[in-house]
Protein backbone atom coordinates (compact mmCIF):
# COMPACT_ATOMS: atom_id res chain seq x y z
CA MET A 1 29.80 13.94 3.10
CA ARG A 2 26.46 15.56 3.25
CA GLN A 3 24.50 16.25 6.85
CA ASP A 4 21.57 13.79 5.80
CA GLN A 5 24.12 11.97 4.27
CA LEU A 6 26.00 11.54 7.68
CA LEU A 7 22.88 11.57 9.47
CA ALA A 8 21.66 8.14 7.20
CA ALA A 9 25.06 6.51 8.12
CA ALA A 10 25.22 6.70 11.71
CA LEU A 11 21.62 5.25 11.88
CA ILE A 12 22.45 2.63 9.63
CA PRO A 13 23.90 -0.41 11.27
CA ASP A 14 26.59 -2.48 9.74
CA ARG A 15 25.05 -6.43 8.26
CA GLY A 16 26.83 -7.66 11.12
CA ASP A 17 25.45 -5.62 13.90
CA ALA A 18 22.76 -8.19 15.62
CA ALA A 19 21.40 -5.22 17.90
CA ALA A 20 21.30 -2.69 15.88
CA LEU A 21 19.60 -4.92 13.16
CA PHE A 22 16.46 -6.57 15.63
CA GLU A 23 16.20 -3.02 16.76
CA LEU A 24 15.28 -1.99 12.94
CA ILE A 25 13.24 -5.23 12.04
CA GLU A 26 11.13 -4.38 15.82
CA LEU A 27 10.43 -0.88 14.57
CA LEU A 28 9.63 -1.91 11.05
CA PHE A 29 6.16 -4.13 13.17
CA PHE A 30 5.80 -1.16 15.33
CA ALA A 31 5.64 0.80 12.60
CA TYR A 32 3.68 -1.06 10.17
CA ARG A 33 1.32 -1.79 13.44
CA ASP A 34 0.13 2.10 13.87
CA PHE A 35 0.59 2.41 10.21
CA VAL A 36 -2.50 -0.06 9.49
CA GLY A 37 -3.63 0.49 12.57
CA ASP A 38 -6.20 3.65 11.92
CA PRO A 39 -7.63 2.27 9.09
CA ASP A 40 -8.36 -1.13 11.36
CA ARG A 41 -10.17 0.72 13.48
CA LEU A 42 -12.45 2.72 10.41
CA LEU A 43 -12.81 -1.03 8.55
CA GLU A 44 -14.07 -2.66 11.48
CA ASP A 45 -17.42 -0.23 11.30
CA TYR A 46 -17.83 -2.05 8.07
CA GLY A 47 -17.10 -5.37 8.96
CA PHE A 48 -13.90 -5.34 6.48
CA GLY A 49 -10.34 -6.00 7.71
CA ARG A 50 -6.56 -5.35 5.57
CA ALA A 51 -7.66 -7.76 2.91
CA HIS A 52 -10.57 -5.43 2.39
CA HIS A 53 -8.70 -1.95 2.55
CA ARG A 54 -5.87 -3.29 -0.22
CA VAL A 55 -8.16 -4.69 -2.59
CA ILE A 56 -10.08 -1.13 -1.95
CA HIS A 57 -6.41 0.54 -2.50
CA PHE A 58 -5.48 -0.34 -5.96
CA VAL A 59 -8.39 -0.86 -7.00
CA ASP A 60 -9.10 3.15 -6.61
CA ARG A 61 -5.28 3.88 -7.04
CA ASN A 62 -5.18 1.95 -10.46
CA PRO A 63 -8.95 2.33 -11.79
CA GLY A 64 -9.71 -0.80 -14.82
CA LEU A 65 -7.59 -3.13 -12.80
CA THR A 66 -8.43 -6.80 -13.86
CA ILE A 67 -8.67 -9.31 -11.65
CA ALA A 68 -5.42 -11.18 -12.77
CA GLU A 69 -3.13 -7.82 -12.44
CA LEU A 70 -4.87 -7.43 -8.87
CA LEU A 71 -3.94 -11.16 -7.73
CA ASP A 72 -0.34 -10.33 -9.09
CA ILE A 73 0.18 -7.15 -6.91
CA LEU A 74 -1.10 -8.71 -3.96
CA LYS A 75 0.38 -11.86 -4.18
CA ILE A 76 -2.52 -13.74 -2.89
CA THR A 77 -4.51 -16.93 -4.02
CA LYS A 78 -7.37 -16.39 -6.57
CA GLN A 79 -9.94 -18.12 -3.65
CA SER A 80 -8.51 -15.50 -1.35
CA LEU A 81 -9.25 -12.55 -3.58
CA ASN A 82 -12.74 -13.86 -4.38
CA ARG A 83 -13.84 -13.94 -1.14
CA VAL A 84 -13.02 -10.39 -0.10
CA LEU A 85 -13.80 -9.22 -4.08
CA LYS A 86 -17.21 -10.65 -3.76
CA GLU A 87 -18.10 -8.93 -0.11
CA LEU A 88 -16.96 -5.83 -1.63
CA ILE A 89 -18.80 -6.12 -4.66
CA SER A 90 -22.22 -7.37 -2.87
CA LYS A 91 -21.85 -4.13 -0.42
CA ASP A 92 -21.57 -1.58 -3.34
CA PHE A 93 -17.76 -0.66 -2.68
CA ILE A 94 -16.30 -2.23 -6.29
CA GLU A 95 -18.17 -2.83 -9.21
CA SER A 96 -16.54 -5.13 -11.94
CA ARG A 97 -17.01 -4.30 -15.59
CA LEU A 98 -16.52 -6.80 -18.69
CA GLY A 99 -14.03 -5.60 -20.67
CA VAL A 100 -14.53 -4.15 -23.71
CA GLU A 101 -11.52 -5.52 -26.01
CA ASP A 102 -11.73 -9.16 -24.32
CA ARG A 103 -15.33 -9.96 -22.95
CA ARG A 104 -13.83 -12.38 -20.66
CA GLN A 105 -11.47 -10.01 -18.24
CA ARG A 106 -13.56 -7.98 -15.63
CA HIS A 107 -12.28 -4.46 -14.84
CA LEU A 108 -12.45 -3.23 -11.48
CA HIS A 109 -13.38 0.25 -10.12
CA VAL A 110 -14.86 1.39 -6.79
CA THR A 111 -18.11 2.88 -6.60
CA SER A 112 -18.96 6.24 -5.09
CA LYS A 113 -19.03 5.02 -2.08
CA GLY A 114 -15.92 2.53 -2.48
CA LYS A 115 -14.10 6.12 -3.19
CA HIS A 116 -15.07 7.73 -0.33
CA LEU A 117 -13.66 4.73 1.99
CA ALA A 118 -10.86 4.07 0.06
CA ASP A 119 -10.07 8.28 0.38
CA HIS A 120 -10.98 8.15 4.40
CA LEU A 121 -8.25 5.32 4.38
CA ALA A 122 -5.61 6.85 2.58
CA ALA A 123 -6.10 10.23 4.54
CA LEU A 124 -5.78 8.69 7.82
CA GLN A 125 -2.52 6.95 6.53
CA MET A 126 -0.89 10.24 4.97
CA GLN A 127 -1.49 12.37 7.86
CA ARG A 128 0.66 9.71 9.87
CA ILE A 129 3.24 9.97 6.86
CA GLY A 130 2.79 13.63 6.63
CA ARG A 131 3.58 14.05 10.25
CA ALA A 132 6.81 11.84 10.50
CA ILE A 133 7.97 13.44 6.99
CA SER A 134 7.52 16.81 9.16
CA GLU A 135 9.33 15.61 12.04
CA ILE A 136 12.15 14.28 9.69
CA GLY A 137 12.73 16.39 7.12
CA PRO A 138 12.30 16.51 3.58
CA SER A 139 16.03 15.47 2.82
CA ASN A 140 15.60 12.48 5.09
CA ALA A 141 12.36 11.48 3.94
CA VAL A 142 14.12 10.77 0.35
CA ILE A 143 16.24 8.16 2.16
CA ALA A 144 13.53 6.86 4.10
CA ARG A 145 11.29 6.19 0.49
CA ARG A 146 15.17 4.56 -0.68
CA PHE A 147 15.00 2.74 2.41
CA LEU A 148 11.60 1.21 1.61
CA GLU A 149 12.22 0.74 -2.09
CA ALA A 150 15.24 -1.67 -1.24
CA MET A 151 13.47 -3.47 1.07
CA ILE A 152 11.73 -4.92 -1.90
CA ASP A 153 12.51 -8.56 -3.29
CA PRO A 154 14.74 -7.14 -6.49
CA SER A 155 12.74 -9.41 -8.57
CA GLU A 156 10.34 -7.42 -7.86
CA ARG A 157 11.69 -3.47 -7.99
CA ARG A 158 10.94 -3.26 -11.77
CA ASP A 159 6.86 -4.51 -11.55
CA VAL A 160 6.24 -1.98 -7.72
CA GLN A 161 7.64 1.12 -9.18
CA ARG A 162 5.00 0.60 -12.72
CA VAL A 163 2.05 0.14 -10.07
CA VAL A 164 3.38 3.12 -7.22
CA ALA A 165 3.68 5.07 -10.76
CA ALA A 166 0.49 4.06 -12.28
CA LYS A 167 -1.82 6.64 -14.04
CA GLY A 168 -4.54 6.38 -11.60
CA HIS A 169 -2.35 7.97 -9.32
CA ALA A 170 -2.80 11.48 -10.38
CA GLN A 171 -5.04 13.18 -7.82
């Protein structure tokens, strides 16, 4: 076995090792708290929350996303999205354009103001991820990525991979 495989085998608990699994659960909670904490503090300045962050993120990363596609990505109700989206549109962070082929569809795009906020939020999270990768090393980052992918419900993985690999991701 390679060194990174040995390290992963030592760190990954058996399914029956409840104490180790609880440690991983708690580490995920704390990692998520800190991962979203940096953007949360910035979003407070705008009167926004995590729902606004998610909408801005996915619209920025997928220009022209329809409302139906965004609902599918976020797995939230139309009512929940409408409140957040209405606020982002009224404050000029996102714009809704009529579809060219289907005028009933609304295609979402970030405005220059929305792009600035999306970039700032992403920079905060990229710093945290970059620091973590530098601490664990690139080969272990591959293992971490595989772990995160495996955490996604198997029935959703293909859809998530499509979103992650979407055309808007090229910077």
